[in-house]
Protein backbone atom coordinates (compact mmCIF):
# COMPACT_ATOMS: atom_id res chain seq x y z
CA UNK A 1 -109.56 27.27 113.53
CA UNK A 2 -105.90 26.97 114.70
CA UNK A 3 -107.17 24.21 117.07
CA UNK A 4 -108.83 22.19 114.32
CA UNK A 5 -105.69 22.22 112.39
CA UNK A 6 -103.51 21.02 115.31
CA UNK A 7 -106.12 18.07 115.70
CA UNK A 8 -106.01 17.18 112.11
CA UNK A 9 -102.00 17.10 112.11
CA UNK A 10 -101.96 14.91 115.25
CA UNK A 11 -104.35 12.40 113.67
CA UNK A 12 -102.33 12.21 110.54
CA UNK A 13 -98.93 11.81 112.50
CA UNK A 14 -100.60 8.99 114.68
CA UNK A 15 -101.95 7.26 111.51
CA UNK A 16 -98.46 7.28 109.95
CA UNK A 17 -96.97 5.85 113.20
CA UNK A 18 -99.51 3.13 113.16
CA UNK A 19 -99.09 2.37 109.54
CA UNK A 20 -95.26 2.14 110.15
CA UNK A 21 -95.77 -0.40 113.06
CA UNK A 22 -98.05 -2.54 110.96
CA UNK A 23 -95.49 -2.63 108.11
CA UNK A 24 -92.75 -3.67 110.50
CA UNK A 25 -94.77 -6.33 112.00
CA UNK A 26 -95.82 -7.80 108.54
CA UNK A 27 -92.06 -7.69 107.60
CA UNK A 28 -91.05 -9.31 110.89
CA UNK A 29 -93.70 -12.08 110.44
CA UNK A 30 -92.34 -12.68 106.77
CA UNK A 31 -88.66 -12.88 108.02
CA UNK A 32 -89.85 -15.42 110.79
CA UNK A 33 -91.53 -17.52 108.39
CA UNK A 34 -88.35 -17.63 106.06
CA UNK A 35 -86.20 -18.35 108.98
CA UNK A 36 -88.58 -21.00 110.14
CA UNK A 37 -88.25 -22.63 106.66
CA UNK A 38 -84.49 -22.60 106.57
CA UNK A 39 -84.52 -23.96 110.12
CA UNK A 40 -86.53 -27.01 109.15
CA UNK A 41 -84.87 -29.81 107.24
CA UNK A 42 -86.69 -31.00 104.18
CA UNK A 43 -87.23 -34.78 103.88
CA UNK A 44 -85.54 -36.26 100.82
CA UNK A 45 -84.65 -39.71 99.61
CA UNK A 46 -81.00 -39.96 98.03
CA UNK A 47 -79.18 -42.09 95.57
CA UNK A 48 -75.65 -42.45 94.06
CA UNK A 49 -74.39 -42.50 90.42
CA UNK A 50 -74.00 -46.13 89.63
CA UNK A 51 -71.48 -47.83 87.13
CA UNK A 52 -73.41 -50.20 84.95
CA UNK A 53 -73.24 -51.68 81.48
CA UNK A 54 -75.14 -49.69 78.80
CA UNK A 55 -76.02 -50.91 75.48
CA UNK A 56 -74.32 -48.66 72.78
CA UNK A 57 -77.45 -48.62 70.67
CA UNK A 58 -79.01 -45.11 70.83
CA UNK A 59 -81.73 -42.98 69.33
CA UNK A 60 -81.81 -39.60 67.58
CA UNK A 61 -84.61 -37.33 66.69
CA UNK A 62 -85.09 -35.19 63.78
CA UNK A 63 -87.54 -34.01 61.05
CA UNK A 64 -88.69 -35.64 57.92
CA UNK A 65 -87.89 -34.03 54.63
CA UNK A 66 -89.07 -34.92 51.16
CA UNK A 67 -86.75 -36.99 49.00
CA UNK A 68 -87.57 -34.43 46.16
CA UNK A 69 -88.89 -30.94 46.41
CA UNK A 70 -89.06 -28.23 43.76
CA UNK A 71 -90.62 -25.11 42.72
CA UNK A 72 -91.77 -25.17 38.89
CA UNK A 73 -91.24 -22.14 36.96
CA UNK A 74 -92.62 -21.06 33.70
CA UNK A 75 -90.28 -21.26 30.60
CA UNK A 76 -92.76 -19.63 28.24
CA UNK A 77 -95.04 -16.67 27.99
CA UNK A 78 -98.76 -16.37 27.29
CA UNK A 79 -102.24 -16.69 28.83
CA UNK A 80 -103.09 -19.91 30.43
CA UNK A 81 -105.98 -21.66 28.78
CA UNK A 82 -106.53 -24.69 31.16
CA UNK A 83 -105.46 -25.97 34.64
CA UNK A 84 -105.40 -29.61 34.79
CA UNK A 85 -103.81 -30.16 38.31
CA UNK A 86 -104.44 -28.38 41.53
CA UNK A 87 -103.17 -28.33 45.20
CA UNK A 88 -103.46 -31.92 46.62
CA UNK A 89 -103.43 -33.73 43.55
CA UNK A 90 -100.69 -36.55 42.97
CA UNK A 91 -98.83 -36.12 39.61
CA UNK A 92 -96.50 -38.32 37.54
CA UNK A 93 -93.42 -37.10 35.72
CA UNK A 94 -94.34 -36.07 32.25
CA UNK A 95 -98.13 -35.48 33.29
CA UNK A 96 -99.84 -32.41 31.78
CA UNK A 97 -100.35 -29.63 34.40
CA UNK A 98 -101.14 -26.35 32.47
CA UNK A 99 -101.91 -25.55 28.89
CA UNK A 100 -100.87 -22.01 27.71
CA UNK A 101 -102.41 -20.34 24.59
CA UNK A 102 -100.47 -21.79 21.66
CA UNK A 103 -101.75 -20.19 18.64
CA UNK A 104 -98.99 -17.76 18.23
CA UNK A 105 -96.35 -20.41 18.79
CA UNK A 106 -98.08 -22.72 16.23
CA UNK A 107 -97.84 -19.97 13.54
CA UNK A 108 -94.18 -19.40 14.41
CA UNK A 109 -93.61 -23.00 14.00
CA UNK A 110 -95.30 -22.99 10.60
CA UNK A 111 -93.43 -20.09 9.36
CA UNK A 112 -90.07 -21.66 10.67
CA UNK A 113 -91.09 -24.86 8.86
CA UNK A 114 -91.77 -23.21 5.57
CA UNK A 115 -88.52 -20.99 5.89
CA UNK A 116 -86.43 -24.17 6.58
CA UNK A 117 -87.89 -26.12 3.56
CA UNK A 118 -87.21 -23.28 1.25
CA UNK A 119 -83.64 -22.91 2.55
CA UNK A 120 -83.05 -26.56 1.97
CA UNK A 121 -84.43 -26.47 -1.58
CA UNK A 122 -82.29 -23.33 -2.23
CA UNK A 123 -79.21 -25.26 -0.89
CA UNK A 124 -79.78 -28.30 -3.26
CA UNK A 125 -80.08 -26.04 -6.39
CA UNK A 126 -77.21 -24.01 -5.47
CA UNK A 127 -75.17 -27.11 -5.03
CA UNK A 128 -76.19 -28.40 -8.44
CA UNK A 129 -75.13 -24.97 -9.93
CA UNK A 130 -71.85 -25.08 -8.08
CA UNK A 131 -71.04 -28.34 -9.69
CA UNK A 132 -71.17 -26.73 -12.88
CA UNK A 133 -69.15 -23.58 -11.95
CA UNK A 134 -72.35 -21.48 -12.41
CA UNK A 135 -72.18 -19.96 -8.98
CA UNK A 136 -69.25 -18.59 -6.69
CA UNK A 137 -68.01 -20.53 -3.65
CA UNK A 138 -69.32 -17.58 -1.57
CA UNK A 139 -72.75 -17.88 -2.98
CA UNK A 140 -72.91 -21.59 -2.03
CA UNK A 141 -71.33 -20.85 1.51
CA UNK A 142 -74.29 -18.30 2.24
CA UNK A 143 -76.68 -20.84 1.00
CA UNK A 144 -75.48 -23.50 3.39
CA UNK A 145 -75.39 -20.98 6.27
CA UNK A 146 -78.86 -19.86 5.67
CA UNK A 147 -80.05 -23.62 5.58
CA UNK A 148 -78.42 -24.10 9.02
CA UNK A 149 -79.80 -20.87 10.40
CA UNK A 150 -83.46 -21.72 9.29
CA UNK A 151 -83.06 -25.26 10.61
CA UNK A 152 -82.08 -23.90 14.04
CA UNK A 153 -85.03 -21.44 13.89
CA UNK A 154 -87.30 -24.40 13.31
CA UNK A 155 -85.86 -26.30 16.27
CA UNK A 156 -86.45 -23.34 18.53
CA UNK A 157 -90.01 -22.86 17.35
CA UNK A 158 -90.78 -26.45 18.10
CA UNK A 159 -89.50 -25.89 21.64
CA UNK A 160 -91.47 -22.96 22.20
CA UNK A 161 -94.45 -24.70 21.16
CA UNK A 162 -93.70 -27.72 23.28
CA UNK A 163 -93.24 -25.41 26.26
CA UNK A 164 -96.96 -24.30 25.96
CA UNK A 165 -97.70 -27.76 27.37
CA UNK A 166 -96.43 -27.46 31.02
CA UNK A 167 -95.77 -30.96 32.60
CA UNK A 168 -94.60 -32.19 35.88
CA UNK A 169 -90.74 -32.85 35.89
CA UNK A 170 -90.86 -35.36 39.09
CA UNK A 171 -93.36 -37.80 40.74
CA UNK A 172 -95.14 -36.15 43.68
CA UNK A 173 -97.83 -34.14 45.17
CA UNK A 174 -99.00 -30.57 44.27
CA UNK A 175 -98.36 -28.60 47.71
CA UNK A 176 -99.11 -25.36 46.14
CA UNK A 177 -100.31 -23.72 43.11
CA UNK A 178 -99.79 -19.94 42.15
CA UNK A 179 -101.70 -19.56 38.82
CA UNK A 180 -104.99 -19.60 37.46
CA UNK A 181 -106.99 -19.88 34.29
CA UNK A 182 -106.50 -16.51 32.54
CA UNK A 183 -103.30 -15.82 34.29
CA UNK A 184 -100.62 -14.20 31.90
CA UNK A 185 -97.24 -15.96 32.20
CA UNK A 186 -93.67 -14.56 31.62
CA UNK A 187 -90.67 -16.65 31.72
CA UNK A 188 -89.77 -17.35 35.34
CA UNK A 189 -93.35 -17.03 36.88
CA UNK A 190 -93.89 -19.21 39.85
CA UNK A 191 -96.45 -22.02 38.82
CA UNK A 192 -96.39 -24.97 41.43
CA UNK A 193 -94.68 -26.47 44.40
CA UNK A 194 -94.28 -30.09 43.99
CA UNK A 195 -93.16 -32.48 46.73
CA UNK A 196 -92.28 -36.23 46.40
CA UNK A 197 -93.10 -38.10 49.79
CA UNK A 198 -93.06 -41.48 48.34
CA UNK A 199 -89.69 -41.66 50.28
CA UNK A 200 -88.47 -39.38 52.87
CA UNK A 201 -85.10 -38.17 54.64
CA UNK A 202 -85.16 -38.06 58.40
CA UNK A 203 -82.38 -35.78 59.26
CA UNK A 204 -80.84 -36.49 62.78
CA UNK A 205 -77.66 -35.38 64.60
CA UNK A 206 -75.27 -37.89 66.22
CA UNK A 207 -72.66 -37.16 68.82
CA UNK A 208 -68.79 -37.66 68.07
CA UNK A 209 -68.81 -41.09 69.97
CA UNK A 210 -72.30 -42.15 68.36
CA UNK A 211 -71.18 -41.25 64.61
CA UNK A 212 -68.29 -43.75 64.83
CA UNK A 213 -70.98 -46.58 65.26
CA UNK A 214 -72.83 -45.62 61.98
CA UNK A 215 -72.03 -46.75 58.66
CA UNK A 216 -73.57 -45.72 55.28
CA UNK A 217 -76.00 -48.41 54.37
CA UNK A 218 -76.87 -49.43 57.96
CA UNK A 219 -80.62 -50.29 58.48
CA UNK A 220 -82.32 -48.22 61.09
CA UNK A 221 -85.77 -48.50 62.83
CA UNK A 222 -87.75 -45.29 62.54
CA UNK A 223 -90.87 -43.97 64.02
CA UNK A 224 -92.94 -40.86 63.59
CA UNK A 225 -93.65 -38.99 66.93
CA UNK A 226 -97.32 -38.08 65.87
CA UNK A 227 -97.81 -41.76 64.54
CA UNK A 228 -99.65 -44.46 66.17
CA UNK A 229 -96.41 -46.43 66.87
CA UNK A 230 -96.08 -47.60 63.28
CA UNK A 231 -92.36 -48.67 62.48
CA UNK A 232 -90.66 -48.15 59.36
CA UNK A 233 -87.41 -49.35 57.99
CA UNK A 234 -84.65 -46.69 57.11
CA UNK A 235 -81.28 -46.79 55.55
CA UNK A 236 -78.37 -44.51 56.51
CA UNK A 237 -77.66 -42.67 53.08
CA UNK A 238 -75.40 -39.80 54.18
CA UNK A 239 -73.12 -38.86 57.15
CA UNK A 240 -71.56 -35.64 57.59
CA UNK A 241 -67.85 -35.47 57.16
CA UNK A 242 -67.69 -32.38 59.49
CA UNK A 243 -69.33 -31.55 62.80
CA UNK A 244 -71.52 -28.48 63.26
CA UNK A 245 -70.50 -25.82 65.87
CA UNK A 246 -72.19 -27.82 68.58
CA UNK A 247 -70.18 -30.92 67.60
CA UNK A 248 -72.83 -32.82 66.25
CA UNK A 249 -72.85 -34.74 62.91
CA UNK A 250 -75.70 -34.61 60.45
CA UNK A 251 -77.15 -38.04 59.59
CA UNK A 252 -79.64 -38.68 56.76
CA UNK A 253 -81.77 -41.69 56.93
CA UNK A 254 -83.90 -42.64 53.91
CA UNK A 255 -87.49 -43.96 54.65
CA UNK A 256 -89.96 -45.51 52.36
CA UNK A 257 -93.42 -44.06 53.01
CA UNK A 258 -96.49 -46.25 53.52
CA UNK A 259 -98.91 -46.87 50.63
CA UNK A 260 -101.21 -44.00 51.78
CA UNK A 261 -98.17 -41.61 52.39
CA UNK A 262 -99.23 -41.11 55.98
CA UNK A 263 -95.73 -39.78 56.85
CA UNK A 264 -95.59 -36.09 56.04
CA UNK A 265 -92.48 -33.72 55.41
CA UNK A 266 -91.94 -31.63 58.48
CA UNK A 267 -92.96 -34.20 61.00
CA UNK A 268 -90.85 -35.15 63.89
CA UNK A 269 -89.31 -38.58 63.77
CA UNK A 270 -87.08 -40.90 65.98
CA UNK A 271 -84.42 -43.24 64.72
CA UNK A 272 -83.13 -46.11 66.68
CA UNK A 273 -79.54 -47.21 65.74
CA UNK A 274 -79.11 -50.53 66.94
CA UNK A 275 -75.52 -51.46 68.11
CA UNK A 276 -74.47 -55.00 69.24
CA UNK A 277 -72.04 -53.92 71.71
CA UNK A 278 -72.16 -52.71 75.36
CA UNK A 279 -69.87 -50.00 77.48
CA UNK A 280 -69.46 -49.02 80.86
CA UNK A 281 -71.70 -45.77 81.95
CA UNK A 282 -72.46 -43.78 84.97
CA UNK A 283 -75.97 -43.84 85.48
CA UNK A 284 -78.69 -42.01 87.73
CA UNK A 285 -82.27 -42.55 87.88
CA UNK A 286 -84.21 -40.46 85.62
CA UNK A 287 -86.24 -38.91 88.49
CA UNK A 288 -83.33 -37.55 90.04
CA UNK A 289 -82.97 -35.13 87.16
CA UNK A 290 -84.05 -31.47 87.73
CA UNK A 291 -85.46 -29.47 84.79
CA UNK A 292 -85.39 -30.81 81.27
CA UNK A 293 -82.94 -33.10 79.58
CA UNK A 294 -81.88 -30.36 77.68
CA UNK A 295 -80.91 -28.21 80.68
CA UNK A 296 -80.50 -30.66 83.47
CA UNK A 297 -79.31 -30.37 87.19
CA UNK A 298 -79.36 -32.43 90.30
CA UNK A 299 -79.17 -31.56 94.07
CA UNK A 300 -76.18 -32.82 95.65
CA UNK A 301 -76.40 -33.30 99.42
CA UNK A 302 -73.22 -32.65 101.64
CA UNK A 303 -73.15 -32.11 105.40
CA UNK A 304 -77.02 -32.24 105.37
CA UNK A 305 -77.26 -29.39 102.96
CA UNK A 306 -78.47 -29.65 99.35
CA UNK A 307 -76.91 -27.74 96.66
CA UNK A 308 -77.83 -27.41 92.98
CA UNK A 309 -75.35 -28.62 90.24
CA UNK A 310 -75.44 -28.61 86.52
CA UNK A 311 -74.74 -32.12 84.76
CA UNK A 312 -74.20 -33.07 81.34
CA UNK A 313 -76.14 -36.16 80.16
CA UNK A 314 -75.66 -38.73 77.44
CA UNK A 315 -77.95 -41.63 76.60
CA UNK A 316 -81.51 -41.34 78.18
CA UNK A 317 -83.47 -44.54 78.54
CA UNK A 318 -86.86 -45.13 79.84
CA UNK A 319 -85.80 -44.91 83.56
CA UNK A 320 -82.28 -43.85 83.67
CA UNK A 321 -79.95 -41.08 82.39
CA UNK A 322 -76.26 -41.57 81.58
CA UNK A 323 -74.12 -38.77 83.46
CA UNK A 324 -71.16 -37.54 81.40
CA UNK A 325 -70.09 -34.80 83.68
CA UNK A 326 -71.02 -32.76 86.90
CA UNK A 327 -71.12 -35.42 89.77
CA UNK A 328 -68.81 -38.19 91.11
CA UNK A 329 -69.70 -41.76 91.93
CA UNK A 330 -69.54 -41.31 95.93
CA UNK A 331 -71.69 -38.17 96.03
CA UNK A 332 -75.05 -38.18 97.38
CA UNK A 333 -77.95 -37.19 94.91
CA UNK A 334 -81.52 -36.25 95.84
CA UNK A 335 -83.73 -38.62 94.25
CA UNK A 336 -87.22 -37.50 95.40
CA UNK A 337 -88.24 -34.48 97.28
CA UNK A 338 -86.84 -31.88 95.09
CA UNK A 339 -90.01 -30.02 94.52
CA UNK A 340 -89.41 -28.40 98.05
CA UNK A 341 -85.53 -27.86 97.59
CA UNK A 342 -83.80 -24.55 97.13
CA UNK A 343 -79.99 -23.74 97.01
CA UNK A 344 -78.36 -24.18 100.36
CA UNK A 345 -81.49 -25.65 102.21
CA UNK A 346 -81.08 -28.22 105.10
CA UNK A 347 -82.38 -31.82 104.31
CA UNK A 348 -83.12 -34.80 106.18
CA UNK A 349 -82.58 -38.18 104.41
CA UNK A 350 -85.49 -40.62 104.78
């Protein structure tokens, strides 16, 4: 029995030694592979930052917002008798949307009308009596106050009856409805969301250098990113007097919608601000940029080694990018071959 135990222990030890040797062999192979990669120079093409004339015209992106948007609330109370407009319907200002039960309001109006007429007749009679000194001045004053009070009650009763007919306050489209026939309303009950997209506002942001090139009333070409290339004419209607925390200025461009209202609030749009002037700029081919335009970097080659460096970009054209900071004109920048590069790797220039 002891002999068998010894044999088992020896087998386990030999297995552990073999596993360790295999692990070391795999690690050595991996290290050799990495060393081989580091020792091989990656072929790349290079370019340099070039100073060129750049059109001061620029583009800015943002979201379309409706020219008017509101949530309609109830100003009356009662049960809804009929719903005339529903989600998706177009409405005009003053058009009837809902009818609330009005029998009680009509009865109140009739009572107020009767009281007002009686108070008016009483006042006329008291004025005649006062002319003959048949009543006191206090009695005449009370009659006048009563006439004014009942007249005010009549006006309020008319308004309450009028508010049982709920109408659209603006032109637009019903974006949402919150009630149904039979719903009981209280003052403040949410009824509709109405959005006017006959005109829209494209809200974009401009840098401190760009905002100096814009004036209120300037005409701007606008396109919807989701559109088929249709171009709209916009007008700059507002420019922020103060920058936001990112040193960008809010700019609003008013755009007249197409006849079929194919522009929708919330869509992305691009505004092209045309400026008849040029300036000097440091440009790189767009393909030299690594990562996104929002978080750009490039590989700078020095002494045969590529190092990654963050850059700050300005205007982006179809094939070039303006470099505001991060590299110098005489530095060598990798133009192609970046897909195989890592920090500190050797390169060979094709």
